[in-house]
Protein backbone atom coordinates (compact mmCIF):
# COMPACT_ATOMS: atom_id res chain seq x y z
CA MET A 1 -53.12 4.95 27.37
CA LYS A 2 -49.58 5.13 25.80
CA SER A 3 -48.28 2.15 23.92
CA ILE A 4 -44.70 1.02 24.88
CA LYS A 5 -42.40 2.01 27.65
CA LEU A 6 -38.67 1.23 27.49
CA VAL A 7 -37.01 0.14 30.76
CA THR A 8 -33.50 -0.85 31.86
CA ASP A 9 -31.42 -0.84 35.03
CA SER A 10 -28.67 1.48 36.25
CA GLY A 11 -26.04 -1.19 35.02
CA ALA A 12 -26.54 0.53 31.66
CA ASP A 13 -24.52 3.53 32.71
CA LEU A 14 -26.50 5.96 30.64
CA SER A 15 -26.19 9.67 31.38
CA LYS A 16 -29.08 11.61 32.65
CA GLU A 17 -29.22 13.57 29.51
CA LEU A 18 -29.70 10.37 27.39
CA ILE A 19 -32.28 8.97 29.86
CA GLU A 20 -34.31 12.16 29.70
CA ARG A 21 -33.82 12.57 25.94
CA TYR A 22 -35.30 9.16 25.17
CA ASP A 23 -37.66 8.95 28.22
CA ILE A 24 -36.16 5.68 29.45
CA LYS A 25 -37.13 4.24 32.81
CA VAL A 26 -34.05 3.22 34.74
CA ILE A 27 -34.39 0.91 37.80
CA PRO A 28 -31.47 1.42 40.23
CA ILE A 29 -29.21 -1.36 41.38
CA PRO A 30 -28.68 -1.40 45.16
CA VAL A 31 -25.13 -0.68 46.33
CA LYS A 32 -23.77 -0.89 49.89
CA LEU A 33 -20.85 1.22 51.11
CA GLY A 34 -19.88 0.55 54.63
CA ASP A 35 -23.10 0.57 56.64
CA LYS A 36 -25.05 2.68 54.15
CA ASN A 37 -27.26 1.49 51.35
CA TYR A 38 -27.63 3.50 48.06
CA LYS A 39 -29.61 3.29 44.91
CA ASP A 40 -27.09 3.51 42.07
CA GLY A 41 -27.63 6.78 40.13
CA GLU A 42 -30.36 8.00 42.49
CA ASP A 43 -28.87 8.31 45.92
CA ILE A 44 -25.26 8.43 44.74
CA THR A 45 -23.64 9.78 41.57
CA PRO A 46 -20.51 8.28 39.97
CA LEU A 47 -18.41 11.24 41.19
CA GLU A 48 -19.60 10.83 44.81
CA PHE A 49 -18.99 7.07 44.63
CA TYR A 50 -15.38 7.29 43.53
CA ASN A 51 -14.68 10.17 45.91
CA LYS A 52 -15.82 7.86 48.77
CA LEU A 53 -13.52 5.13 47.61
CA LYS A 54 -10.59 7.53 47.54
CA THR A 55 -11.24 9.05 50.98
CA GLU A 56 -12.67 6.05 52.98
CA ASP A 57 -11.49 2.46 53.33
CA LEU A 58 -14.59 0.86 51.88
CA SER A 59 -15.39 -2.30 50.01
CA PRO A 60 -18.56 -1.65 47.93
CA LEU A 61 -21.12 -4.51 47.61
CA THR A 62 -23.88 -4.78 45.11
CA SER A 63 -27.05 -6.84 45.26
CA MET A 64 -29.57 -7.73 42.57
CA ILE A 65 -32.91 -5.93 42.16
CA ASN A 66 -35.34 -8.32 43.76
CA PRO A 67 -38.51 -9.68 41.99
CA TYR A 68 -40.81 -7.64 44.22
CA THR A 69 -39.20 -4.40 43.17
CA PHE A 70 -39.48 -5.32 39.55
CA GLU A 71 -43.19 -6.32 40.07
CA GLU A 72 -44.08 -3.03 41.74
CA GLU A 73 -42.09 -0.92 39.19
CA PHE A 74 -43.67 -2.74 36.24
CA LYS A 75 -47.14 -2.40 37.75
CA ARG A 76 -46.72 1.35 37.94
CA ILE A 77 -45.61 1.62 34.37
CA LEU A 78 -48.53 -0.53 33.21
CA GLU A 79 -50.92 1.88 34.71
CA GLU A 80 -49.86 4.36 32.10
CA TYR A 81 -48.61 2.10 29.19
CA GLN A 82 -50.13 -0.87 27.35
CA GLU A 83 -46.80 -2.75 27.54
CA LEU A 84 -43.22 -2.43 28.49
CA VAL A 85 -39.84 -3.74 27.13
CA TYR A 86 -37.14 -4.28 29.86
CA ILE A 87 -33.51 -4.76 28.69
CA SER A 88 -31.40 -6.21 31.54
CA PHE A 89 -27.82 -6.37 32.64
CA SER A 90 -26.25 -9.67 31.50
CA SER A 91 -27.69 -12.70 33.17
CA GLN A 92 -24.15 -14.12 33.39
CA LEU A 93 -22.97 -11.28 35.61
CA SER A 94 -26.06 -10.87 37.86
CA GLY A 95 -29.29 -12.33 38.94
CA ILE A 96 -31.18 -9.22 37.85
CA TYR A 97 -32.49 -10.85 34.63
CA ASN A 98 -33.96 -13.78 36.56
CA SER A 99 -35.68 -11.41 38.97
CA ALA A 100 -37.29 -9.56 36.17
CA LYS A 101 -38.41 -12.86 34.60
CA MET A 102 -40.21 -13.77 37.80
CA ALA A 103 -42.07 -10.42 37.76
CA GLN A 104 -42.93 -11.07 34.10
CA LYS A 105 -44.58 -14.41 35.00
CA VAL A 106 -46.85 -12.59 37.53
CA LEU A 107 -47.83 -9.79 35.21
CA GLY A 108 -48.02 -11.66 31.89
CA GLU A 109 -45.78 -12.00 28.86
CA ASP A 110 -48.28 -10.10 26.79
CA LYS A 111 -47.62 -6.95 28.74
CA VAL A 112 -43.98 -7.40 29.82
CA THR A 113 -41.04 -8.31 27.59
CA VAL A 114 -37.75 -9.14 29.38
CA ILE A 115 -34.57 -9.24 27.21
CA ASP A 116 -31.14 -10.45 28.38
CA SER A 117 -28.67 -7.94 26.85
CA LYS A 118 -25.68 -10.23 27.56
CA ALA A 119 -23.86 -6.94 28.06
CA ALA A 120 -22.77 -4.65 30.80
CA SER A 121 -22.24 -0.97 31.44
CA LEU A 122 -22.53 1.21 28.24
CA GLY A 123 -22.65 -2.00 26.19
CA LEU A 124 -26.07 -2.44 27.69
CA GLY A 125 -26.59 1.24 27.34
CA LEU A 126 -26.01 1.30 23.59
CA ILE A 127 -28.39 -1.61 23.16
CA VAL A 128 -31.00 0.33 25.03
CA LEU A 129 -30.40 3.40 22.92
CA LYS A 130 -30.95 1.33 19.82
CA ALA A 131 -34.24 0.25 21.11
CA ALA A 132 -35.12 3.86 22.16
CA ARG A 133 -34.44 5.20 18.60
CA LEU A 134 -36.56 2.41 17.11
CA LEU A 135 -39.32 3.15 19.53
CA GLU A 136 -39.06 6.84 18.62
CA GLU A 137 -39.46 5.89 14.96
CA GLY A 138 -42.70 4.11 15.71
CA GLU A 139 -41.55 0.55 15.29
CA SER A 140 -43.62 -2.31 16.66
CA THR A 141 -42.59 -4.39 19.76
CA ASP A 142 -41.71 -7.38 17.55
CA MET A 143 -39.50 -5.23 15.26
CA ILE A 144 -37.79 -3.63 18.27
CA ILE A 145 -37.11 -7.04 19.83
CA SER A 146 -35.79 -8.41 16.54
CA LYS A 147 -33.44 -5.46 15.99
CA VAL A 148 -32.31 -5.41 19.68
CA GLU A 149 -31.50 -9.09 19.56
CA GLU A 150 -29.47 -8.58 16.38
CA THR A 151 -27.52 -5.71 18.15
CA ILE A 152 -26.99 -7.90 21.24
CA SER A 153 -25.30 -10.56 19.06
CA LYS A 154 -22.81 -8.09 17.69
CA MET A 155 -22.07 -5.90 20.69
CA LYS A 156 -18.34 -5.93 21.75
CA HIS A 157 -16.75 -4.84 25.09
CA ILE A 158 -13.01 -4.18 25.46
CA VAL A 159 -12.28 -3.33 29.08
CA ALA A 160 -9.06 -1.97 30.67
CA ILE A 161 -9.57 -2.83 34.36
CA GLY A 162 -8.31 0.10 36.50
CA SER A 163 -8.15 -1.33 39.95
CA LEU A 164 -6.08 -4.40 40.88
CA GLU A 165 -7.14 -3.69 44.52
CA MET A 166 -10.66 -4.19 43.63
CA LEU A 167 -9.92 -7.37 41.81
CA LYS A 168 -8.02 -8.56 45.04
CA LYS A 169 -11.03 -7.62 47.22
CA GLY A 170 -13.32 -9.54 44.84
CA GLY A 171 -11.16 -12.66 45.12
CA ARG A 172 -10.19 -12.62 41.38
CA ILE A 173 -6.45 -12.24 42.18
CA SER A 174 -4.22 -12.75 45.16
CA SER A 175 -2.70 -10.03 47.31
CA THR A 176 0.70 -10.93 45.95
CA GLN A 177 -0.52 -10.62 42.34
CA ALA A 178 -2.12 -7.29 43.15
CA PHE A 179 1.02 -5.99 44.78
CA ILE A 180 3.37 -7.04 41.97
CA GLY A 181 0.79 -5.93 39.34
CA SER A 182 0.76 -2.45 40.91
CA LEU A 183 4.55 -2.25 41.01
CA LEU A 184 4.78 -3.15 37.29
CA ASN A 185 1.79 -0.95 36.35
CA ILE A 186 -0.04 -3.94 34.95
CA ILE A 187 -3.50 -3.32 33.40
CA PRO A 188 -5.66 -6.42 32.93
CA MET A 189 -7.64 -6.39 29.62
CA ALA A 190 -11.01 -8.19 29.47
CA GLU A 191 -14.11 -8.55 27.35
CA VAL A 192 -17.71 -9.68 27.80
CA ASP A 193 -18.09 -12.72 25.49
CA SER A 194 -21.09 -13.68 23.41
CA GLU A 195 -22.68 -15.49 26.44
CA GLY A 196 -22.42 -12.39 28.53
CA LYS A 197 -19.56 -13.50 30.76
CA LEU A 198 -16.51 -11.36 31.66
CA VAL A 199 -13.41 -13.14 30.44
CA PRO A 200 -9.73 -12.09 30.41
CA LEU A 201 -7.98 -11.05 27.28
CA ALA A 202 -4.43 -10.00 28.09
CA LYS A 203 -2.25 -8.07 30.58
CA VAL A 204 -0.40 -4.97 29.41
CA ARG A 205 2.01 -2.57 31.05
CA GLY A 206 1.09 1.10 31.21
CA GLU A 207 -1.42 3.47 29.71
CA LYS A 208 0.08 3.75 26.23
CA ARG A 209 0.05 -0.03 25.75
CA SER A 210 -3.58 -0.23 26.99
CA ILE A 211 -4.61 2.38 24.48
CA LYS A 212 -2.80 0.59 21.72
CA TYR A 213 -4.33 -2.76 22.75
CA ILE A 214 -7.86 -1.23 22.74
CA LEU A 215 -7.34 0.32 19.33
CA ASP A 216 -5.79 -2.78 17.78
CA THR A 217 -8.61 -4.97 19.08
CA PHE A 218 -11.20 -2.55 17.82
CA LYS A 219 -9.59 -2.63 14.34
CA GLU A 220 -9.63 -6.50 14.41
CA ARG A 221 -13.28 -6.82 15.52
CA VAL A 222 -15.32 -3.86 14.38
CA GLU A 223 -18.13 -4.68 11.93
CA LEU A 224 -20.23 -1.55 11.72
CA LEU A 225 -19.05 2.07 12.15
CA GLN A 226 -22.41 3.38 13.13
CA GLU A 227 -21.48 6.35 15.36
CA GLU A 228 -24.53 5.86 17.55
CA LEU A 229 -23.27 2.42 18.52
CA ILE A 230 -19.80 3.37 19.61
CA GLY A 231 -19.26 4.36 23.28
CA ILE A 232 -16.71 4.62 25.98
CA GLY A 233 -17.39 4.20 29.70
CA HIS A 234 -14.96 5.28 32.33
CA ALA A 235 -14.75 5.04 36.11
CA ASP A 236 -13.35 8.52 37.08
CA ASN A 237 -10.91 8.47 34.20
CA SER A 238 -12.19 10.86 31.69
CA GLU A 239 -8.69 11.77 30.57
CA LEU A 240 -7.97 8.26 29.20
CA ALA A 241 -11.46 7.97 27.79
CA ASN A 242 -11.00 11.16 25.78
CA LYS A 243 -7.65 10.03 24.53
CA ILE A 244 -9.14 6.87 23.06
CA ALA A 245 -12.09 8.81 21.63
CA THR A 246 -9.74 11.34 19.96
CA LYS A 247 -7.59 8.57 18.42
CA LEU A 248 -10.69 6.66 17.08
CA LYS A 249 -12.13 9.92 15.59
CA GLN A 250 -8.73 10.64 13.97
CA GLU A 251 -8.22 7.03 12.55
CA TYR A 252 -11.76 6.18 11.51
CA SER A 253 -13.37 9.61 10.82
CA ILE A 254 -16.02 8.90 13.42
CA LYS A 255 -18.03 12.02 14.04
CA ASP A 256 -19.26 11.31 17.51
CA ILE A 257 -18.61 8.82 20.34
CA ILE A 258 -20.92 8.52 23.34
CA ILE A 259 -18.91 8.86 26.60
CA THR A 260 -20.48 8.19 29.96
CA ASP A 261 -19.42 7.60 33.57
CA ILE A 262 -19.40 4.05 34.87
CA GLY A 263 -21.71 4.12 37.89
CA ALA A 264 -21.50 2.61 41.31
CA ALA A 265 -23.01 -0.68 40.48
CA VAL A 266 -20.49 -1.58 37.72
CA GLY A 267 -17.71 0.40 39.40
CA SER A 268 -18.02 -1.71 42.54
CA HIS A 269 -16.49 -4.64 40.57
CA ALA A 270 -14.33 -2.97 37.88
CA GLY A 271 -12.90 -0.30 40.18
CA PRO A 272 -11.78 3.27 39.72
CA GLY A 273 -9.69 4.02 36.68
CA THR A 274 -11.46 1.47 34.46
CA VAL A 275 -12.07 2.42 30.83
CA ALA A 276 -14.13 0.37 28.41
CA LEU A 277 -14.84 0.62 24.66
CA PHE A 278 -18.18 -0.64 23.30
CA PHE A 279 -19.01 -1.16 19.65
CA GLN A 280 -20.46 -3.53 17.09
């Protein structure tokens, strides 16, 4: 029997290449579009999701992975592995973590470790990749947990929210605010704080100012320039993601930055056009 299996959910927004490279088990978050239900990353790709938003008048809805699903998934893994480590989407943004904890109680803490990433999207993804590399190096469960918790405490998110319409549908801003914001090309900037909550930072006008804001904030807050822990997630906005990556590489001599698509689960709330930078 194999020793440790690393598990996360599709809120990590990891690419298929990274998932396969590190043999990570990803449990999909349910997403509803109109009268159809999907499993994020399995039944619907990011490209398909954003194309549907463009061509159809849909308000996507997400729901948490329920405890039964976790229990069944974990049981299947434990048939092959001695134990598993599950790193979840922020408990302050979803009930997913609590569902996983309920499954853990049934199966036993000696076999199942559940960690609250206090992160979202590729912020979670980078934490999972840190764990995957430690596992590949043969580190023990205790060491992986210790290093992962250290990474969680330092992970930063800077988010340029791409859709005022999605914020309006989610009840975060009024129709008037969305209308005026669109006219003025306002881009709300936000972060995920140390508790794992999404909080506003600023409002900027236009793409150039949003890039400058992201770069300035990165300069103020970055602690470690470890290239494997710098990433950019985007919701059907690869052009802006690549612009930010290019500037970071030029200014900080960073060799590589992980760029991935924001999937349907996170994209249902952030909306198309969103770009986010993740780093320590």
